[in-house]
Amino acid sequence: MEFSTTSPTLALESKIKKAKYPEARVIVLNDNFNTFEHVANVLLAIIPGMSEKRSWDLAIKVDKSGSAEVWRGNLEQAELYHEQLVIRGLTMAPIEKI
């Protein structure tokens, strides 16, 4: 009786690839009605870990560049932050999957 040196379990495990959860970018767009203060305050309230300085820097970038990425991470969280920013009146680009 001979035993195989390759285990079927090992063969299956090597073929299984871990699916990476999709990531996305949340981008605020410039508009003619939201003030710097409003944009900065909304970012500070909605985006986790956002500092007051960073929120103001991003508000200025939105004004000067026309847009700014305010958050990047998994798609599910991106959708939540995007929706909350829209509800607070910010003008948003569509969620950009990366």
PDB file of N, CA and C in Angstrom:
ATOM      1  N   MET A   1       0.849  -1.169   0.000  1.00  0.00           N
ATOM      2  CA  MET A   1       0.000   0.000   0.000  1.00  0.00           C
ATOM      3  C   MET A   1       0.894   1.232   0.000  1.00  0.00           C
ATOM      4  N   GLU A   2       0.636   2.151  -0.910  1.00  0.00           N
ATOM      5  CA  GLU A   2       1.425   3.378  -0.991  1.00  0.00           C
ATOM      6  C   GLU A   2       0.558   4.571  -0.619  1.00  0.00           C
ATOM      7  N   PHE A   3       1.185   5.528   0.043  1.00  0.00           N
ATOM      8  CA  PHE A   3       0.480   6.752   0.418  1.00  0.00           C
ATOM      9  C   PHE A   3       1.009   7.910  -0.406  1.00  0.00           C
ATOM     10  N   SER A   4       0.121   8.749  -0.801  1.00  0.00           N
ATOM     11  CA  SER A   4       0.512   9.925  -1.586  1.00  0.00           C
ATOM     12  C   SER A   4       1.210  10.935  -0.680  1.00  0.00           C
ATOM     13  N   THR A   5       2.223  11.568  -1.222  1.00  0.00           N
ATOM     14  CA  THR A   5       2.939  12.591  -0.446  1.00  0.00           C
ATOM     15  C   THR A   5       2.273  13.953  -0.553  1.00  0.00           C
ATOM     16  N   THR A   6       1.346  14.076  -1.466  1.00  0.00           N
ATOM     17  CA  THR A   6       0.619  15.343  -1.574  1.00  0.00           C
ATOM     18  C   THR A   6      -0.769  15.164  -0.991  1.00  0.00           C
ATOM     19  N   SER A   7      -1.096  16.017  -0.099  1.00  0.00           N
ATOM     20  CA  SER A   7      -2.394  15.961   0.570  1.00  0.00           C
ATOM     21  C   SER A   7      -3.418  16.731  -0.249  1.00  0.00           C
ATOM     22  N   PRO A   8      -4.605  16.183  -0.467  1.00  0.00           N
ATOM     23  CA  PRO A   8      -5.641  16.935  -1.195  1.00  0.00           C
ATOM     24  C   PRO A   8      -5.995  18.244  -0.494  1.00  0.00           C
ATOM     25  N   THR A   9      -5.911  18.246   0.822  1.00  0.00           N
ATOM     26  CA  THR A   9      -6.212  19.460   1.575  1.00  0.00           C
ATOM     27  C   THR A   9      -5.216  20.554   1.250  1.00  0.00           C
ATOM     28  N   LEU A  10      -3.953  20.225   1.187  1.00  0.00           N
ATOM     29  CA  LEU A  10      -2.930  21.212   0.860  1.00  0.00           C
ATOM     30  C   LEU A  10      -3.110  21.743  -0.554  1.00  0.00           C
ATOM     31  N   ALA A  11      -3.471  20.884  -1.468  1.00  0.00           N
ATOM     32  CA  ALA A  11      -3.682  21.310  -2.848  1.00  0.00           C
ATOM     33  C   ALA A  11      -4.835  22.300  -2.935  1.00  0.00           C
ATOM     34  N   LEU A  12      -5.893  22.058  -2.194  1.00  0.00           N
ATOM     35  CA  LEU A  12      -7.037  22.966  -2.209  1.00  0.00           C
ATOM     36  C   LEU A  12      -6.694  24.298  -1.557  1.00  0.00           C
ATOM     37  N   GLU A  13      -5.966  24.243  -0.441  1.00  0.00           N
ATOM     38  CA  GLU A  13      -5.614  25.468   0.260  1.00  0.00           C
ATOM     39  C   GLU A  13      -4.755  26.390  -0.579  1.00  0.00           C
ATOM     40  N   SER A  14      -3.867  25.832  -1.358  1.00  0.00           N
ATOM     41  CA  SER A  14      -2.987  26.672  -2.165  1.00  0.00           C
ATOM     42  C   SER A  14      -3.735  27.359  -3.309  1.00  0.00           C
ATOM     43  N   LYS A  15      -4.866  26.800  -3.699  1.00  0.00           N
ATOM     44  CA  LYS A  15      -5.642  27.389  -4.796  1.00  0.00           C
ATOM     45  C   LYS A  15      -6.625  28.456  -4.325  1.00  0.00           C
ATOM     46  N   ILE A  16      -6.877  28.490  -3.021  1.00  0.00           N
ATOM     47  CA  ILE A  16      -7.814  29.470  -2.475  1.00  0.00           C
ATOM     48  C   ILE A  16      -7.095  30.808  -2.336  1.00  0.00           C
ATOM     49  N   LYS A  17      -7.653  31.821  -2.950  1.00  0.00           N
ATOM     50  CA  LYS A  17      -7.082  33.165  -2.845  1.00  0.00           C
ATOM     51  C   LYS A  17      -8.001  34.001  -1.970  1.00  0.00           C
ATOM     52  N   LYS A  18      -7.388  34.766  -1.114  1.00  0.00           N
ATOM     53  CA  LYS A  18      -8.177  35.647  -0.275  1.00  0.00           C
ATOM     54  C   LYS A  18      -8.603  36.851  -1.100  1.00  0.00           C
ATOM     55  N   ALA A  19      -9.895  37.083  -1.155  1.00  0.00           N
ATOM     56  CA  ALA A  19     -10.416  38.220  -1.901  1.00  0.00           C
ATOM     57  C   ALA A  19     -10.204  39.485  -1.076  1.00  0.00           C
ATOM     58  N   LYS A  20      -9.602  40.468  -1.676  1.00  0.00           N
ATOM     59  CA  LYS A  20      -9.393  41.734  -0.987  1.00  0.00           C
ATOM     60  C   LYS A  20     -10.689  42.528  -1.039  1.00  0.00           C
ATOM     61  N   TYR A  21     -11.076  43.062   0.109  1.00  0.00           N
ATOM     62  CA  TYR A  21     -12.289  43.869   0.151  1.00  0.00           C
ATOM     63  C   TYR A  21     -12.051  45.123  -0.676  1.00  0.00           C
ATOM     64  N   PRO A  22     -12.983  45.493  -1.546  1.00  0.00           N
ATOM     65  CA  PRO A  22     -12.764  46.659  -2.409  1.00  0.00           C
ATOM     66  C   PRO A  22     -12.563  47.946  -1.613  1.00  0.00           C
ATOM     67  N   GLU A  23     -11.667  48.771  -2.109  1.00  0.00           N
ATOM     68  CA  GLU A  23     -11.400  50.055  -1.475  1.00  0.00           C
ATOM     69  C   GLU A  23     -11.932  51.180  -2.351  1.00  0.00           C
ATOM     70  N   ALA A  24     -12.085  52.344  -1.732  1.00  0.00           N
ATOM     71  CA  ALA A  24     -12.649  53.482  -2.447  1.00  0.00           C
ATOM     72  C   ALA A  24     -12.112  54.785  -1.878  1.00  0.00           C
ATOM     73  N   ARG A  25     -12.283  55.824  -2.676  1.00  0.00           N
ATOM     74  CA  ARG A  25     -11.893  57.179  -2.279  1.00  0.00           C
ATOM     75  C   ARG A  25     -13.151  58.024  -2.126  1.00  0.00           C
ATOM     76  N   VAL A  26     -13.153  58.891  -1.105  1.00  0.00           N
ATOM     77  CA  VAL A  26     -14.254  59.836  -0.890  1.00  0.00           C
ATOM     78  C   VAL A  26     -13.706  61.220  -1.233  1.00  0.00           C
ATOM     79  N   ILE A  27     -14.338  61.872  -2.212  1.00  0.00           N
ATOM     80  CA  ILE A  27     -13.827  63.140  -2.742  1.00  0.00           C
ATOM     81  C   ILE A  27     -14.887  64.226  -2.641  1.00  0.00           C
ATOM     82  N   VAL A  28     -14.501  65.337  -2.002  1.00  0.00           N
ATOM     83  CA  VAL A  28     -15.379  66.511  -1.900  1.00  0.00           C
ATOM     84  C   VAL A  28     -15.061  67.444  -3.064  1.00  0.00           C
ATOM     85  N   LEU A  29     -16.113  67.988  -3.674  1.00  0.00           N
ATOM     86  CA  LEU A  29     -15.961  68.920  -4.796  1.00  0.00           C
ATOM     87  C   LEU A  29     -16.237  70.353  -4.357  1.00  0.00           C
ATOM     88  N   ASN A  30     -15.624  71.280  -5.050  1.00  0.00           N
ATOM     89  CA  ASN A  30     -15.869  72.699  -4.789  1.00  0.00           C
ATOM     90  C   ASN A  30     -17.260  73.084  -5.294  1.00  0.00           C
ATOM     91  N   ASP A  31     -17.868  74.033  -4.636  1.00  0.00           N
ATOM     92  CA  ASP A  31     -19.147  74.587  -5.082  1.00  0.00           C
ATOM     93  C   ASP A  31     -19.180  76.060  -4.691  1.00  0.00           C
ATOM     94  N   ASN A  32     -20.248  76.722  -5.053  1.00  0.00           N
ATOM     95  CA  ASN A  32     -20.344  78.163  -4.801  1.00  0.00           C
ATOM     96  C   ASN A  32     -21.203  78.513  -3.583  1.00  0.00           C
ATOM     97  N   PHE A  33     -21.565  77.519  -2.784  1.00  0.00           N
ATOM     98  CA  PHE A  33     -22.451  77.847  -1.672  1.00  0.00           C
ATOM     99  C   PHE A  33     -21.973  77.361  -0.310  1.00  0.00           C
ATOM    100  N   ASN A  34     -21.110  76.358  -0.233  1.00  0.00           N
ATOM    101  CA  ASN A  34     -20.588  75.924   1.067  1.00  0.00           C
ATOM    102  C   ASN A  34     -19.384  76.768   1.456  1.00  0.00           C
ATOM    103  N   THR A  35     -19.369  77.227   2.696  1.00  0.00           N
ATOM    104  CA  THR A  35     -18.251  78.036   3.183  1.00  0.00           C
ATOM    105  C   THR A  35     -17.104  77.123   3.619  1.00  0.00           C
ATOM    106  N   PHE A  36     -15.911  77.718   3.728  1.00  0.00           N
ATOM    107  CA  PHE A  36     -14.762  76.969   4.249  1.00  0.00           C
ATOM    108  C   PHE A  36     -15.114  76.378   5.606  1.00  0.00           C
ATOM    109  N   GLU A  37     -15.704  77.219   6.442  1.00  0.00           N
ATOM    110  CA  GLU A  37     -16.026  76.804   7.805  1.00  0.00           C
ATOM    111  C   GLU A  37     -16.968  75.607   7.814  1.00  0.00           C
ATOM    112  N   HIS A  38     -17.998  75.648   6.959  1.00  0.00           N
ATOM    113  CA  HIS A  38     -18.953  74.540   6.902  1.00  0.00           C
ATOM    114  C   HIS A  38     -18.260  73.254   6.450  1.00  0.00           C
ATOM    115  N   VAL A  39     -17.466  73.332   5.391  1.00  0.00           N
ATOM    116  CA  VAL A  39     -16.761  72.146   4.881  1.00  0.00           C
ATOM    117  C   VAL A  39     -15.849  71.583   5.969  1.00  0.00           C
ATOM    118  N   ALA A  40     -15.051  72.444   6.589  1.00  0.00           N
ATOM    119  CA  ALA A  40     -14.120  71.998   7.634  1.00  0.00           C
ATOM    120  C   ALA A  40     -14.873  71.366   8.805  1.00  0.00           C
ATOM    121  N   ASN A  41     -15.954  71.976   9.249  1.00  0.00           N
ATOM    122  CA  ASN A  41     -16.724  71.455  10.385  1.00  0.00           C
ATOM    123  C   ASN A  41     -17.382  70.117  10.065  1.00  0.00           C
ATOM    124  N   VAL A  42     -17.885  69.967   8.844  1.00  0.00           N
ATOM    125  CA  VAL A  42     -18.521  68.703   8.456  1.00  0.00           C
ATOM    126  C   VAL A  42     -17.469  67.594   8.389  1.00  0.00           C
ATOM    127  N   LEU A  43     -16.331  67.874   7.800  1.00  0.00           N
ATOM    128  CA  LEU A  43     -15.266  66.871   7.732  1.00  0.00           C
ATOM    129  C   LEU A  43     -14.839  66.452   9.137  1.00  0.00           C
ATOM    130  N   LEU A  44     -14.698  67.415   9.999  1.00  0.00           N
ATOM    131  CA  LEU A  44     -14.301  67.153  11.380  1.00  0.00           C
ATOM    132  C   LEU A  44     -15.327  66.269  12.094  1.00  0.00           C
ATOM    133  N   ALA A  45     -16.599  66.501  11.818  1.00  0.00           N
ATOM    134  CA  ALA A  45     -17.672  65.747  12.480  1.00  0.00           C
ATOM    135  C   ALA A  45     -17.849  64.334  11.910  1.00  0.00           C
ATOM    136  N   ILE A  46     -17.587  64.141  10.624  1.00  0.00           N
ATOM    137  CA  ILE A  46     -17.924  62.880   9.957  1.00  0.00           C
ATOM    138  C   ILE A  46     -16.732  61.934   9.802  1.00  0.00           C
ATOM    139  N   ILE A  47     -15.592  62.443   9.416  1.00  0.00           N
ATOM    140  CA  ILE A  47     -14.449  61.583   9.088  1.00  0.00           C
ATOM    141  C   ILE A  47     -13.670  61.238  10.361  1.00  0.00           C
ATOM    142  N   PRO A  48     -13.566  59.952  10.700  1.00  0.00           N
ATOM    143  CA  PRO A  48     -12.855  59.549  11.918  1.00  0.00           C
ATOM    144  C   PRO A  48     -11.378  59.952  11.868  1.00  0.00           C
ATOM    145  N   GLY A  49     -10.880  60.407  12.975  1.00  0.00           N
ATOM    146  CA  GLY A  49      -9.472  60.762  13.066  1.00  0.00           C
ATOM    147  C   GLY A  49      -9.099  62.083  12.419  1.00  0.00           C
ATOM    148  N   MET A  50     -10.081  62.811  11.939  1.00  0.00           N
ATOM    149  CA  MET A  50      -9.828  64.089  11.271  1.00  0.00           C
ATOM    150  C   MET A  50      -9.478  65.139  12.317  1.00  0.00           C
ATOM    151  N   SER A  51      -8.369  65.825  12.095  1.00  0.00           N
ATOM    152  CA  SER A  51      -7.990  66.914  13.002  1.00  0.00           C
ATOM    153  C   SER A  51      -8.576  68.218  12.477  1.00  0.00           C
ATOM    154  N   GLU A  52      -8.654  69.208  13.350  1.00  0.00           N
ATOM    155  CA  GLU A  52      -9.172  70.509  12.942  1.00  0.00           C
ATOM    156  C   GLU A  52      -8.279  71.129  11.854  1.00  0.00           C
ATOM    157  N   LYS A  53      -6.967  71.022  12.033  1.00  0.00           N
ATOM    158  CA  LYS A  53      -6.040  71.575  11.036  1.00  0.00           C
ATOM    159  C   LYS A  53      -6.216  70.891   9.688  1.00  0.00           C
ATOM    160  N   ARG A  54      -6.294  69.556   9.701  1.00  0.00           N
ATOM    161  CA  ARG A  54      -6.453  68.813   8.436  1.00  0.00           C
ATOM    162  C   ARG A  54      -7.777  69.171   7.762  1.00  0.00           C
ATOM    163  N   SER A  55      -8.841  69.330   8.530  1.00  0.00           N
ATOM    164  CA  SER A  55     -10.144  69.665   7.938  1.00  0.00           C
ATOM    165  C   SER A  55     -10.078  71.030   7.245  1.00  0.00           C
ATOM    166  N   TRP A  56      -9.380  71.989   7.852  1.00  0.00           N
ATOM    167  CA  TRP A  56      -9.234  73.303   7.223  1.00  0.00           C
ATOM    168  C   TRP A  56      -8.325  73.220   5.996  1.00  0.00           C
ATOM    169  N   ASP A  57      -7.251  72.439   6.080  1.00  0.00           N
ATOM    170  CA  ASP A  57      -6.362  72.257   4.927  1.00  0.00           C
ATOM    171  C   ASP A  57      -7.123  71.656   3.745  1.00  0.00           C
ATOM    172  N   LEU A  58      -7.975  70.674   4.031  1.00  0.00           N
ATOM    173  CA  LEU A  58      -8.768  70.051   2.964  1.00  0.00           C
ATOM    174  C   LEU A  58      -9.799  71.019   2.391  1.00  0.00           C
ATOM    175  N   ALA A  59     -10.429  71.819   3.243  1.00  0.00           N
ATOM    176  CA  ALA A  59     -11.400  72.810   2.762  1.00  0.00           C
ATOM    177  C   ALA A  59     -10.715  73.797   1.811  1.00  0.00           C
ATOM    178  N   ILE A  60      -9.512  74.209   2.153  1.00  0.00           N
ATOM    179  CA  ILE A  60      -8.752  75.130   1.286  1.00  0.00           C
ATOM    180  C   ILE A  60      -8.370  74.432  -0.015  1.00  0.00           C
ATOM    181  N   LYS A  61      -7.965  73.159   0.074  1.00  0.00           N
ATOM    182  CA  LYS A  61      -7.613  72.415  -1.136  1.00  0.00           C
ATOM    183  C   LYS A  61      -8.817  72.267  -2.068  1.00  0.00           C
ATOM    184  N   VAL A  62      -9.981  71.999  -1.503  1.00  0.00           N
ATOM    185  CA  VAL A  62     -11.206  71.890  -2.310  1.00  0.00           C
ATOM    186  C   VAL A  62     -11.420  73.183  -3.082  1.00  0.00           C
ATOM    187  N   ASP A  63     -11.265  74.314  -2.403  1.00  0.00           N
ATOM    188  CA  ASP A  63     -11.476  75.613  -3.043  1.00  0.00           C
ATOM    189  C   ASP A  63     -10.441  75.882  -4.132  1.00  0.00           C
ATOM    190  N   LYS A  64      -9.182  75.609  -3.855  1.00  0.00           N
ATOM    191  CA  LYS A  64      -8.111  75.940  -4.803  1.00  0.00           C
ATOM    192  C   LYS A  64      -7.994  74.952  -5.953  1.00  0.00           C
ATOM    193  N   SER A  65      -8.204  73.664  -5.657  1.00  0.00           N
ATOM    194  CA  SER A  65      -8.000  72.625  -6.673  1.00  0.00           C
ATOM    195  C   SER A  65      -9.299  72.154  -7.318  1.00  0.00           C
ATOM    196  N   GLY A  66     -10.415  72.469  -6.698  1.00  0.00           N
ATOM    197  CA  GLY A  66     -11.699  72.006  -7.225  1.00  0.00           C
ATOM    198  C   GLY A  66     -12.185  70.727  -6.586  1.00  0.00           C
ATOM    199  N   SER A  67     -11.272  70.001  -5.903  1.00  0.00           N
ATOM    200  CA  SER A  67     -11.654  68.766  -5.226  1.00  0.00           C
ATOM    201  C   SER A  67     -10.547  68.349  -4.268  1.00  0.00           C
ATOM    202  N   ALA A  68     -10.896  67.465  -3.350  1.00  0.00           N
ATOM    203  CA  ALA A  68      -9.908  66.896  -2.440  1.00  0.00           C
ATOM    204  C   ALA A  68     -10.389  65.539  -1.947  1.00  0.00           C
ATOM    205  N   GLU A  69      -9.474  64.592  -1.914  1.00  0.00           N
ATOM    206  CA  GLU A  69      -9.765  63.297  -1.317  1.00  0.00           C
ATOM    207  C   GLU A  69      -9.753  63.491   0.191  1.00  0.00           C
ATOM    208  N   VAL A  70     -10.869  63.176   0.834  1.00  0.00           N
ATOM    209  CA  VAL A  70     -10.975  63.387   2.276  1.00  0.00           C
ATOM    210  C   VAL A  70     -10.899  62.090   3.074  1.00  0.00           C
ATOM    211  N   TRP A  71     -11.046  60.962   2.384  1.00  0.00           N
ATOM    212  CA  TRP A  71     -10.944  59.674   3.059  1.00  0.00           C
ATOM    213  C   TRP A  71     -10.688  58.592   2.024  1.00  0.00           C
ATOM    214  N   ARG A  72      -9.955  57.556   2.435  1.00  0.00           N
ATOM    215  CA  ARG A  72      -9.683  56.402   1.575  1.00  0.00           C
ATOM    216  C   ARG A  72      -9.706  55.162   2.457  1.00  0.00           C
ATOM    217  N   GLY A  73     -10.405  54.137   1.991  1.00  0.00           N
ATOM    218  CA  GLY A  73     -10.469  52.906   2.774  1.00  0.00           C
ATOM    219  C   GLY A  73     -11.472  51.946   2.172  1.00  0.00           C
ATOM    220  N   ASN A  74     -11.987  51.028   2.997  1.00  0.00           N
ATOM    221  CA  ASN A  74     -12.873  50.015   2.425  1.00  0.00           C
ATOM    222  C   ASN A  74     -14.177  50.633   1.916  1.00  0.00           C
ATOM    223  N   LEU A  75     -14.721  49.992   0.915  1.00  0.00           N
ATOM    224  CA  LEU A  75     -15.880  50.519   0.182  1.00  0.00           C
ATOM    225  C   LEU A  75     -17.088  50.757   1.082  1.00  0.00           C
ATOM    226  N   GLU A  76     -17.352  49.843   1.985  1.00  0.00           N
ATOM    227  CA  GLU A  76     -18.534  49.979   2.840  1.00  0.00           C
ATOM    228  C   GLU A  76     -18.461  51.249   3.691  1.00  0.00           C
ATOM    229  N   GLN A  77     -17.305  51.507   4.291  1.00  0.00           N
ATOM    230  CA  GLN A  77     -17.143  52.723   5.080  1.00  0.00           C
ATOM    231  C   GLN A  77     -17.187  53.953   4.183  1.00  0.00           C
ATOM    232  N   ALA A  78     -16.577  53.860   3.011  1.00  0.00           N
ATOM    233  CA  ALA A  78     -16.588  54.986   2.070  1.00  0.00           C
ATOM    234  C   ALA A  78     -18.017  55.374   1.733  1.00  0.00           C
ATOM    235  N   GLU A  79     -18.872  54.384   1.503  1.00  0.00           N
ATOM    236  CA  GLU A  79     -20.276  54.663   1.194  1.00  0.00           C
ATOM    237  C   GLU A  79     -20.966  55.377   2.356  1.00  0.00           C
ATOM    238  N   LEU A  80     -20.666  54.940   3.574  1.00  0.00           N
ATOM    239  CA  LEU A  80     -21.271  55.571   4.753  1.00  0.00           C
ATOM    240  C   LEU A  80     -20.829  57.028   4.879  1.00  0.00           C
ATOM    241  N   TYR A  81     -19.519  57.289   4.796  1.00  0.00           N
ATOM    242  CA  TYR A  81     -19.017  58.654   4.931  1.00  0.00           C
ATOM    243  C   TYR A  81     -19.528  59.536   3.796  1.00  0.00           C
ATOM    244  N   HIS A  82     -19.562  58.996   2.595  1.00  0.00           N
ATOM    245  CA  HIS A  82     -20.055  59.744   1.432  1.00  0.00           C
ATOM    246  C   HIS A  82     -21.496  60.181   1.673  1.00  0.00           C
ATOM    247  N   GLU A  83     -22.326  59.244   2.106  1.00  0.00           N
ATOM    248  CA  GLU A  83     -23.750  59.549   2.358  1.00  0.00           C
ATOM    249  C   GLU A  83     -23.896  60.612   3.453  1.00  0.00           C
ATOM    250  N   GLN A  84     -23.113  60.488   4.521  1.00  0.00           N
ATOM    251  CA  GLN A  84     -23.202  61.454   5.617  1.00  0.00           C
ATOM    252  C   GLN A  84     -22.754  62.844   5.175  1.00  0.00           C
ATOM    253  N   LEU A  85     -21.739  62.913   4.326  1.00  0.00           N
ATOM    254  CA  LEU A  85     -21.270  64.213   3.826  1.00  0.00           C
ATOM    255  C   LEU A  85     -22.317  64.850   2.906  1.00  0.00           C
ATOM    256  N   VAL A  86     -22.965  64.036   2.089  1.00  0.00           N
ATOM    257  CA  VAL A  86     -24.034  64.529   1.217  1.00  0.00           C
ATOM    258  C   VAL A  86     -25.189  65.076   2.054  1.00  0.00           C
ATOM    259  N   ILE A  87     -25.576  64.327   3.086  1.00  0.00           N
ATOM    260  CA  ILE A  87     -26.681  64.756   3.957  1.00  0.00           C
ATOM    261  C   ILE A  87     -26.369  66.109   4.595  1.00  0.00           C
ATOM    262  N   ARG A  88     -25.105  66.361   4.905  1.00  0.00           N
ATOM    263  CA  ARG A  88     -24.693  67.620   5.521  1.00  0.00           C
ATOM    264  C   ARG A  88     -24.509  68.735   4.488  1.00  0.00           C
ATOM    265  N   GLY A  89     -24.780  68.437   3.205  1.00  0.00           N
ATOM    266  CA  GLY A  89     -24.799  69.481   2.191  1.00  0.00           C
ATOM    267  C   GLY A  89     -23.530  69.658   1.366  1.00  0.00           C
ATOM    268  N   LEU A  90     -22.530  68.779   1.543  1.00  0.00           N
ATOM    269  CA  LEU A  90     -21.320  68.928   0.745  1.00  0.00           C
ATOM    270  C   LEU A  90     -21.560  68.396  -0.660  1.00  0.00           C
ATOM    271  N   THR A  91     -20.883  68.986  -1.620  1.00  0.00           N
ATOM    272  CA  THR A  91     -20.961  68.533  -2.998  1.00  0.00           C
ATOM    273  C   THR A  91     -19.900  67.451  -3.176  1.00  0.00           C
ATOM    274  N   MET A  92     -20.341  66.279  -3.608  1.00  0.00           N
ATOM    275  CA  MET A  92     -19.463  65.115  -3.635  1.00  0.00           C
ATOM    276  C   MET A  92     -19.300  64.550  -5.035  1.00  0.00           C
ATOM    277  N   ALA A  93     -18.098  64.060  -5.305  1.00  0.00           N
ATOM    278  CA  ALA A  93     -17.873  63.259  -6.510  1.00  0.00           C
ATOM    279  C   ALA A  93     -18.449  61.877  -6.237  1.00  0.00           C
ATOM    280  N   PRO A  94     -18.772  61.134  -7.292  1.00  0.00           N
ATOM    281  CA  PRO A  94     -19.203  59.744  -7.053  1.00  0.00           C
ATOM    282  C   PRO A  94     -18.063  58.996  -6.344  1.00  0.00           C
ATOM    283  N   ILE A  95     -18.416  57.990  -5.566  1.00  0.00           N
ATOM    284  CA  ILE A  95     -17.395  57.191  -4.892  1.00  0.00           C
ATOM    285  C   ILE A  95     -16.501  56.570  -5.956  1.00  0.00           C
ATOM    286  N   GLU A  96     -15.215  56.706  -5.743  1.00  0.00           N
ATOM    287  CA  GLU A  96     -14.242  56.205  -6.712  1.00  0.00           C
ATOM    288  C   GLU A  96     -13.592  54.945  -6.175  1.00  0.00           C
ATOM    289  N   LYS A  97     -13.925  53.806  -6.798  1.00  0.00           N
ATOM    290  CA  LYS A  97     -13.335  52.528  -6.374  1.00  0.00           C
ATOM    291  C   LYS A  97     -11.889  52.463  -6.847  1.00  0.00           C
ATOM    292  N   ILE A  98     -11.048  51.927  -5.965  1.00  0.00           N
ATOM    293  CA  ILE A  98      -9.617  51.797  -6.323  1.00  0.00           C
ATOM    294  C   ILE A  98      -9.162  50.359  -6.159  1.00  0.00           C
TER     295      ILE A  98
END
